[in-house]
Amino acid sequence: MPSLSSLMPDDERTRLLLALKPFLSEKRAPYMDSAVNILRLASMGKIGKDLKLF
């Protein structure tokens, strides 16, 4: 079963953060992962609101 994040295309903000990640130090890379996850969660919330799930 595919994950929900694989079904949703990334928006331009997420793609930008993922493109910048190779240029970050190993110390800062996990923060970028967290930021990307937050953006993905926010977009899932918007989809749920648009579908009137919550």
N, C-alpha and C. Protein backbone atom coordinates (compact mmCIF):
# COMPACT_ATOMS: atom_id res chain seq x y z
N MET A 1 0.85 -1.17 0.00
CA MET A 1 0.00 0.00 0.00
C MET A 1 0.90 1.24 0.00
N PRO A 2 0.70 2.16 -0.96
CA PRO A 2 1.54 3.37 -1.00
C PRO A 2 1.20 4.32 0.15
N SER A 3 2.20 5.04 0.58
CA SER A 3 1.97 6.01 1.65
C SER A 3 1.24 7.23 1.11
N LEU A 4 0.63 7.97 1.99
CA LEU A 4 -0.13 9.15 1.59
C LEU A 4 0.76 10.21 0.98
N SER A 5 1.98 10.37 1.52
CA SER A 5 2.88 11.39 0.97
C SER A 5 3.32 11.05 -0.45
N SER A 6 3.36 9.76 -0.79
CA SER A 6 3.73 9.40 -2.16
C SER A 6 2.60 9.67 -3.14
N LEU A 7 1.38 9.75 -2.66
CA LEU A 7 0.24 10.04 -3.53
C LEU A 7 0.08 11.52 -3.81
N MET A 8 0.63 12.36 -2.92
CA MET A 8 0.50 13.80 -3.07
C MET A 8 1.75 14.37 -3.73
N PRO A 9 1.58 15.13 -4.79
CA PRO A 9 2.78 15.77 -5.37
C PRO A 9 3.27 16.88 -4.45
N ASP A 10 4.58 17.06 -4.41
CA ASP A 10 5.16 18.13 -3.58
C ASP A 10 4.90 19.48 -4.25
N ASP A 11 4.67 20.48 -3.43
CA ASP A 11 4.49 21.82 -3.98
C ASP A 11 5.85 22.47 -4.19
N GLU A 12 5.85 23.69 -4.70
CA GLU A 12 7.11 24.35 -5.04
C GLU A 12 7.97 24.64 -3.82
N ARG A 13 7.37 24.89 -2.67
CA ARG A 13 8.15 25.14 -1.45
C ARG A 13 8.90 23.90 -1.01
N THR A 14 8.23 22.76 -1.07
CA THR A 14 8.86 21.51 -0.69
C THR A 14 9.98 21.15 -1.65
N ARG A 15 9.74 21.33 -2.94
CA ARG A 15 10.78 21.04 -3.94
C ARG A 15 11.99 21.94 -3.74
N LEU A 16 11.77 23.20 -3.39
CA LEU A 16 12.88 24.12 -3.15
C LEU A 16 13.72 23.66 -1.96
N LEU A 17 13.06 23.31 -0.87
CA LEU A 17 13.79 22.85 0.31
C LEU A 17 14.58 21.58 0.02
N LEU A 18 13.97 20.66 -0.71
CA LEU A 18 14.67 19.42 -1.05
C LEU A 18 15.85 19.68 -1.99
N ALA A 19 15.74 20.69 -2.85
CA ALA A 19 16.84 21.03 -3.75
C ALA A 19 18.00 21.67 -2.99
N LEU A 20 17.71 22.37 -1.92
CA LEU A 20 18.75 23.02 -1.12
C LEU A 20 19.45 22.07 -0.15
N LYS A 21 18.82 20.97 0.16
CA LYS A 21 19.34 20.05 1.18
C LYS A 21 20.76 19.57 0.90
N PRO A 22 21.16 19.24 -0.33
CA PRO A 22 22.54 18.77 -0.54
C PRO A 22 23.60 19.81 -0.20
N PHE A 23 23.21 21.07 -0.12
CA PHE A 23 24.17 22.14 0.17
C PHE A 23 24.29 22.44 1.66
N LEU A 24 23.52 21.75 2.48
CA LEU A 24 23.55 21.96 3.93
C LEU A 24 24.57 21.04 4.58
N SER A 25 25.03 21.46 5.73
CA SER A 25 25.93 20.62 6.50
C SER A 25 25.14 19.45 7.08
N GLU A 26 25.86 18.42 7.49
CA GLU A 26 25.20 17.26 8.09
C GLU A 26 24.45 17.63 9.37
N LYS A 27 24.91 18.67 10.02
CA LYS A 27 24.26 19.11 11.26
C LYS A 27 22.90 19.74 10.98
N ARG A 28 22.78 20.45 9.86
CA ARG A 28 21.53 21.16 9.56
C ARG A 28 20.55 20.36 8.70
N ALA A 29 21.00 19.30 8.07
CA ALA A 29 20.13 18.51 7.18
C ALA A 29 18.88 17.97 7.89
N PRO A 30 18.98 17.49 9.13
CA PRO A 30 17.76 17.01 9.80
C PRO A 30 16.70 18.11 10.00
N TYR A 31 17.16 19.34 10.16
CA TYR A 31 16.20 20.44 10.30
C TYR A 31 15.43 20.65 9.00
N MET A 32 16.11 20.44 7.88
CA MET A 32 15.44 20.56 6.59
C MET A 32 14.40 19.45 6.43
N ASP A 33 14.74 18.24 6.87
CA ASP A 33 13.78 17.14 6.83
C ASP A 33 12.53 17.48 7.64
N SER A 34 12.74 18.08 8.80
CA SER A 34 11.61 18.47 9.64
C SER A 34 10.76 19.53 8.96
N ALA A 35 11.39 20.49 8.33
CA ALA A 35 10.65 21.55 7.64
C ALA A 35 9.83 20.97 6.49
N VAL A 36 10.40 20.03 5.76
CA VAL A 36 9.68 19.39 4.65
C VAL A 36 8.48 18.60 5.19
N ASN A 37 8.68 17.88 6.28
CA ASN A 37 7.58 17.12 6.88
C ASN A 37 6.47 18.04 7.36
N ILE A 38 6.82 19.18 7.92
CA ILE A 38 5.81 20.14 8.38
C ILE A 38 5.01 20.67 7.20
N LEU A 39 5.69 20.99 6.10
CA LEU A 39 4.98 21.47 4.91
C LEU A 39 4.04 20.40 4.36
N ARG A 40 4.49 19.16 4.36
CA ARG A 40 3.64 18.07 3.87
C ARG A 40 2.42 17.89 4.77
N LEU A 41 2.62 17.96 6.08
CA LEU A 41 1.48 17.84 7.00
C LEU A 41 0.50 18.99 6.82
N ALA A 42 1.02 20.19 6.61
CA ALA A 42 0.14 21.35 6.41
C ALA A 42 -0.67 21.19 5.13
N SER A 43 -0.05 20.65 4.08
CA SER A 43 -0.80 20.48 2.83
C SER A 43 -1.85 19.38 2.99
N MET A 44 -1.57 18.35 3.78
CA MET A 44 -2.57 17.31 4.03
C MET A 44 -3.75 17.90 4.80
N GLY A 45 -3.46 18.80 5.73
CA GLY A 45 -4.54 19.45 6.46
C GLY A 45 -5.40 20.29 5.56
N LYS A 46 -4.78 20.96 4.61
CA LYS A 46 -5.54 21.78 3.66
C LYS A 46 -6.43 20.90 2.79
N ILE A 47 -5.91 19.77 2.36
CA ILE A 47 -6.70 18.84 1.55
C ILE A 47 -7.88 18.32 2.36
N GLY A 48 -7.62 17.96 3.62
CA GLY A 48 -8.70 17.48 4.48
C GLY A 48 -9.77 18.53 4.71
N LYS A 49 -9.34 19.79 4.84
CA LYS A 49 -10.31 20.86 5.02
C LYS A 49 -11.12 21.07 3.75
N ASP A 50 -10.44 21.00 2.58
CA ASP A 50 -11.15 21.17 1.31
C ASP A 50 -12.16 20.05 1.09
N LEU A 51 -11.85 18.86 1.56
CA LEU A 51 -12.77 17.72 1.43
C LEU A 51 -13.78 17.67 2.57
N LYS A 52 -13.69 18.65 3.47
CA LYS A 52 -14.57 18.75 4.64
C LYS A 52 -14.49 17.51 5.54
N LEU A 53 -13.24 17.01 5.71
CA LEU A 53 -13.03 15.89 6.61
C LEU A 53 -12.91 16.35 8.06
N PHE A 54 -12.45 17.62 8.24
CA PHE A 54 -12.40 18.20 9.57
C PHE A 54 -12.67 19.67 9.50
